[in-house]
Protein backbone atom coordinates (compact mmCIF):
# COMPACT_ATOMS: atom_id res chain seq x y z
CA MET A 1 29.46 36.52 18.70
CA ASN A 2 27.96 33.08 18.23
CA THR A 3 27.85 31.46 14.83
CA LEU A 4 24.54 30.65 13.17
CA TYR A 5 25.13 26.96 13.89
CA GLU A 6 25.73 27.65 17.60
CA THR A 7 22.57 29.74 17.76
CA GLN A 8 20.56 27.03 16.04
CA GLN A 9 22.00 24.38 18.36
CA ALA A 10 21.14 26.41 21.42
CA PHE A 11 17.56 26.79 20.16
CA LEU A 12 17.38 23.04 19.52
CA ASP A 13 18.66 22.33 23.03
CA TYR A 14 15.91 24.55 24.38
CA LEU A 15 13.21 22.76 22.40
CA MET A 16 14.52 19.29 23.22
CA ALA A 17 15.59 19.74 26.85
CA GLN A 18 14.15 23.10 27.96
CA SER A 19 17.69 24.43 28.43
CA ASP A 20 17.87 28.01 29.74
CA ASP A 21 20.92 28.86 27.63
CA PHE A 22 18.87 30.15 24.73
CA GLU A 23 17.29 32.97 26.72
CA GLN A 24 20.39 35.06 26.05
CA TYR A 25 19.33 35.31 22.40
CA ILE A 26 15.81 36.52 23.18
CA VAL A 27 14.59 40.06 23.88
CA GLY A 28 11.59 40.32 26.18
CA THR A 29 8.85 42.92 26.05
CA LYS A 30 6.40 44.26 28.59
CA ARG A 31 3.69 42.08 27.12
CA PHE A 32 5.78 38.94 26.57
CA ASN A 33 8.85 38.25 28.65
CA LYS A 34 11.59 35.90 27.45
CA ALA A 35 10.07 32.78 28.98
CA LYS A 36 6.66 33.50 27.44
CA ARG A 37 8.06 34.13 23.98
CA LEU A 38 10.13 30.96 24.09
CA GLY A 39 7.17 29.01 25.42
CA ILE A 40 5.20 29.84 22.27
CA TYR A 41 7.86 28.14 20.16
CA ALA A 42 8.14 25.18 22.50
CA ASP A 43 4.38 24.61 22.48
CA ALA A 44 4.25 24.93 18.69
CA TYR A 45 7.11 22.43 18.32
CA ALA A 46 5.36 19.86 20.49
CA SER A 47 2.03 20.44 18.73
CA ARG A 48 3.59 19.87 15.32
CA LEU A 49 5.12 16.58 16.43
CA ILE A 50 1.82 15.42 17.90
CA GLU A 51 0.12 16.32 14.61
CA SER A 52 2.71 14.19 12.80
CA LEU A 53 1.81 11.23 15.04
CA GLN A 54 -1.83 11.75 14.13
CA ASP A 55 -0.86 11.73 10.46
CA ASN A 56 1.26 8.58 10.81
CA TYR A 57 -1.27 6.74 12.98
CA PRO A 58 -4.79 7.82 11.93
CA ALA A 59 -6.47 4.52 12.82
CA LEU A 60 -4.78 4.41 16.23
CA HIS A 61 -5.92 7.99 16.76
CA THR A 62 -9.49 6.91 15.98
CA LEU A 63 -9.29 3.91 18.33
CA MET A 64 -7.92 5.93 21.22
CA GLY A 65 -9.91 9.13 20.74
CA ASP A 66 -8.55 12.67 20.87
CA CYS A 67 -7.97 13.00 24.60
CA GLN A 68 -6.23 9.68 25.17
CA PHE A 69 -4.19 9.94 21.96
CA ASN A 70 -2.96 13.46 22.75
CA ARG A 71 -2.05 12.48 26.30
CA MET A 72 -0.21 9.43 25.00
CA ALA A 73 1.55 11.49 22.31
CA ASN A 74 2.89 13.94 24.88
CA GLN A 75 4.19 11.07 26.99
CA TYR A 76 5.80 9.47 23.95
CA LEU A 77 7.45 12.77 22.98
CA GLU A 78 8.91 13.07 26.47
CA LYS A 79 10.37 9.55 26.36
CA TYR A 80 11.39 9.49 22.70
CA PRO A 81 12.23 13.03 21.49
CA SER A 82 12.43 13.44 17.74
CA GLN A 83 15.91 12.58 16.46
CA HIS A 84 15.38 13.03 12.72
CA PHE A 85 15.17 16.19 10.63
CA SER A 86 11.92 14.93 9.05
CA VAL A 87 8.76 14.50 11.14
CA ARG A 88 7.93 11.56 8.83
CA TYR A 89 10.11 9.35 11.03
CA PHE A 90 8.82 10.56 14.37
CA GLY A 91 6.94 7.72 16.00
CA HIS A 92 9.03 4.74 14.89
CA LYS A 93 9.05 3.34 18.44
CA LEU A 94 5.40 3.96 19.22
CA ASP A 95 4.37 0.29 19.17
CA GLN A 96 7.24 -0.47 21.57
CA PHE A 97 6.13 2.37 23.86
CA LEU A 98 2.53 1.13 23.85
CA GLN A 99 3.67 -2.41 24.66
CA GLN A 100 5.78 -1.30 27.61
CA ASP A 101 3.72 1.47 29.21
CA MET A 102 1.30 0.09 31.80
CA GLN A 103 -1.30 2.73 30.97
CA TYR A 104 -1.66 1.37 27.45
CA ASN A 105 -0.49 -2.24 27.36
CA ILE A 106 -3.70 -3.32 29.08
CA ASN A 107 -5.20 -2.81 25.61
CA PRO A 108 -2.79 -4.66 23.28
CA VAL A 109 -4.82 -3.59 20.25
CA PHE A 110 -3.14 -0.18 20.49
CA ALA A 111 0.41 -1.52 20.06
CA GLU A 112 -0.61 -3.89 17.26
CA MET A 113 -2.42 -1.14 15.38
CA ALA A 114 0.65 1.09 15.73
CA ALA A 115 2.88 -1.65 14.33
CA PHE A 116 0.48 -2.28 11.44
CA GLU A 117 0.15 1.39 10.50
CA TRP A 118 3.90 1.99 10.70
CA ALA A 119 4.50 -1.00 8.41
CA LEU A 120 1.97 0.38 5.91
CA ARG A 121 3.66 3.78 5.92
CA ALA A 122 7.13 2.25 5.68
CA ALA A 123 6.04 0.11 2.73
CA PHE A 124 4.72 3.17 0.90
CA ASP A 125 7.92 5.17 1.51
CA ALA A 126 10.35 2.36 0.69
CA GLU A 127 12.97 2.83 -2.01
CA ASP A 128 11.93 1.95 -5.55
CA GLN A 129 13.35 -1.37 -6.76
CA THR A 130 12.72 -3.47 -9.83
CA PRO A 131 11.37 -6.96 -9.06
CA ILE A 132 12.79 -9.96 -10.88
CA THR A 133 10.75 -12.19 -13.17
CA ILE A 134 10.48 -15.97 -13.38
CA ALA A 135 13.10 -15.81 -16.14
CA ALA A 136 15.72 -14.99 -13.49
CA LEU A 137 15.23 -18.49 -12.03
CA GLN A 138 15.33 -20.11 -15.43
CA ASP A 139 18.75 -18.59 -16.03
CA ILE A 140 20.23 -20.46 -13.04
CA PRO A 141 21.39 -24.04 -13.69
CA ILE A 142 19.28 -26.52 -11.74
CA GLU A 143 22.35 -27.95 -9.98
CA GLN A 144 22.95 -24.52 -8.40
CA TRP A 145 19.42 -24.05 -7.10
CA GLY A 146 20.24 -25.29 -3.63
CA ALA A 147 22.56 -22.32 -3.09
CA MET A 148 20.08 -19.70 -4.30
CA GLN A 149 19.45 -16.77 -1.97
CA PHE A 150 16.75 -14.18 -2.50
CA THR A 151 16.57 -10.48 -1.70
CA LEU A 152 13.18 -9.03 -0.86
CA HIS A 153 11.88 -5.64 -1.93
CA LYS A 154 12.54 -3.06 0.78
CA SER A 155 8.81 -2.45 1.11
CA VAL A 156 8.19 -5.99 2.41
CA HIS A 157 7.32 -6.22 6.11
CA ARG A 158 6.27 -9.15 8.27
CA LEU A 159 3.98 -8.97 11.28
CA ASN A 160 2.32 -11.48 13.58
CA LEU A 161 -0.95 -10.10 14.93
CA GLU A 162 -3.09 -11.53 17.72
CA TRP A 163 -6.06 -9.22 17.07
CA ASN A 164 -8.29 -8.40 14.10
CA ILE A 165 -6.15 -5.37 13.30
CA ALA A 166 -6.50 -5.47 9.51
CA THR A 167 -10.30 -5.60 9.77
CA LEU A 168 -10.33 -2.75 12.29
CA TRP A 169 -8.00 -0.68 10.13
CA LEU A 170 -10.09 -1.21 6.99
CA ALA A 171 -13.31 -0.22 8.74
CA ILE A 172 -11.68 2.98 10.01
CA GLU A 173 -10.07 3.69 6.63
CA ASN A 174 -13.44 3.35 4.89
CA GLN A 175 -15.18 5.41 7.60
CA GLU A 176 -17.53 2.54 8.36
CA ASP A 177 -19.34 1.95 11.64
CA ALA A 178 -17.08 0.97 14.51
CA ILE A 179 -16.51 -2.76 14.95
CA PRO A 180 -15.31 -4.52 18.12
CA ALA A 181 -11.73 -5.59 18.62
CA GLU A 182 -11.52 -9.37 18.65
CA LYS A 183 -8.65 -11.62 19.60
CA ASN A 184 -7.75 -14.35 17.10
CA ALA A 185 -7.72 -17.96 18.21
CA TYR A 186 -3.98 -17.88 17.47
CA PRO A 187 -1.54 -15.24 16.12
CA ILE A 188 -1.93 -14.68 12.39
CA ALA A 189 1.06 -13.97 10.14
CA TRP A 190 0.86 -11.08 7.68
CA ARG A 191 2.98 -9.66 4.94
CA ILE A 192 2.79 -6.04 3.83
CA TRP A 193 4.32 -4.79 0.59
CA ARG A 194 4.09 -2.23 -2.18
CA GLU A 195 3.63 -3.00 -5.85
CA GLN A 196 5.08 -1.00 -8.72
CA GLU A 197 1.96 1.17 -9.04
CA LEU A 198 2.54 2.45 -5.48
CA LYS A 199 -0.34 0.40 -4.18
CA ILE A 200 0.03 -1.05 -0.69
CA PHE A 201 -1.16 -4.59 -0.04
CA TYR A 202 -1.42 -6.78 3.03
CA LYS A 203 -2.13 -10.49 3.13
CA SER A 204 -2.52 -13.11 5.83
CA LEU A 205 -0.18 -16.08 5.45
CA ALA A 206 -0.24 -19.81 6.05
CA VAL A 207 2.20 -20.87 8.74
CA ASP A 208 4.67 -22.44 6.31
CA GLU A 209 4.69 -19.39 4.03
CA ALA A 210 5.33 -17.11 6.99
CA TRP A 211 8.23 -19.29 8.09
CA ALA A 212 9.70 -19.41 4.57
CA LEU A 213 9.43 -15.65 4.10
CA ASP A 214 11.17 -15.12 7.44
CA ALA A 215 13.82 -17.59 6.30
CA ILE A 216 14.51 -15.47 3.21
CA ILE A 217 14.83 -12.40 5.42
CA ASP A 218 17.36 -14.35 7.51
CA ARG A 219 19.30 -15.21 4.31
CA TYR A 220 18.50 -18.92 4.20
CA ASN A 221 19.25 -20.49 0.82
CA PHE A 222 16.82 -22.58 -1.22
CA ALA A 223 18.09 -25.88 0.21
CA ASP A 224 17.65 -24.61 3.77
CA ILE A 225 14.11 -23.46 2.97
CA CYS A 226 13.23 -26.87 1.54
CA THR A 227 14.57 -28.54 4.67
CA GLY A 228 12.61 -26.24 6.95
CA LEU A 229 9.38 -26.77 5.02
CA CYS A 230 9.59 -30.47 5.89
CA GLU A 231 7.90 -29.52 9.16
CA TRP A 232 4.67 -29.09 7.15
CA VAL A 233 5.13 -31.25 4.03
CA ASP A 234 7.09 -34.42 3.37
CA GLU A 235 10.62 -34.38 2.00
CA ILE A 236 9.51 -35.29 -1.52
CA HIS A 237 7.04 -32.40 -1.82
CA ALA A 238 9.05 -29.74 0.07
CA PRO A 239 10.97 -28.49 -3.02
CA GLN A 240 7.73 -28.10 -4.99
CA ARG A 241 6.15 -26.17 -2.11
CA ALA A 242 9.22 -23.91 -1.97
CA VAL A 243 9.06 -23.29 -5.72
CA THR A 244 5.34 -22.50 -5.51
CA LEU A 245 5.94 -19.94 -2.75
CA ILE A 246 8.83 -18.33 -4.61
CA GLN A 247 6.74 -18.08 -7.78
CA THR A 248 3.97 -16.40 -5.78
CA TRP A 249 6.41 -13.90 -4.29
CA ILE A 250 7.92 -13.14 -7.71
CA ASN A 251 4.45 -12.61 -9.20
CA ASP A 252 3.59 -10.26 -6.32
CA GLY A 253 6.80 -8.28 -6.89
CA LEU A 254 8.38 -9.21 -3.57
CA ILE A 255 11.78 -10.41 -4.86
CA VAL A 256 14.32 -8.05 -6.41
CA ASP A 257 17.38 -10.28 -6.67
CA VAL A 258 18.47 -13.92 -6.72
CA SER A 259 22.08 -15.00 -6.29
CA VAL A 260 24.05 -18.24 -5.94
């Protein structure tokens, strides 16, 4: 006799890979043979995952329309079967899939919208953390500032978008009339984050702020950030620009720790 775990694993193998091994656990009837009964579960499993993609990517769903989205979702499910016990995390490679698949990468708006919506959802679900205040900087002796490193809130995400994705998303979110997709003159940097009141924000960034935020993600210290900012401001004003950016990030709740 198989254990409950072995039975569950066999059922999972059937759902994931259409294995025939699970048929031994099923009793057929005149009306529904084994294959038909199992097919009901398989279809329901796929439908639930496709519904979860619709929930995670409502704006992409609107852009693509029902038929194209459902066809794409089935193709994505075949290439990237769910690997997590929660459907919340199904779809984490959708932007990558849309970039690589020749049926969909002819419209790059799809992949960018997927990346934007996933970042919004990830920001909302991120672990709660307490941001630091300006006082945390004041507690560090000025001679140690060069070695300062900052830790960002786990809700913070960075994207570079070539299309007017944020405008498209907002129009869809507010159920406004459809607007055309437009390509920017150059890629625009964005940051996405969540504030303490569980509100999600997104903001376009100047080139130097985008670079500095990426530098913090890459664990650059304050001195390194000042040096890098010299590409946009002179050496004398680089530290002040760095301090201004850091103050902005602290005020927005983006920084949760500073260390030397």
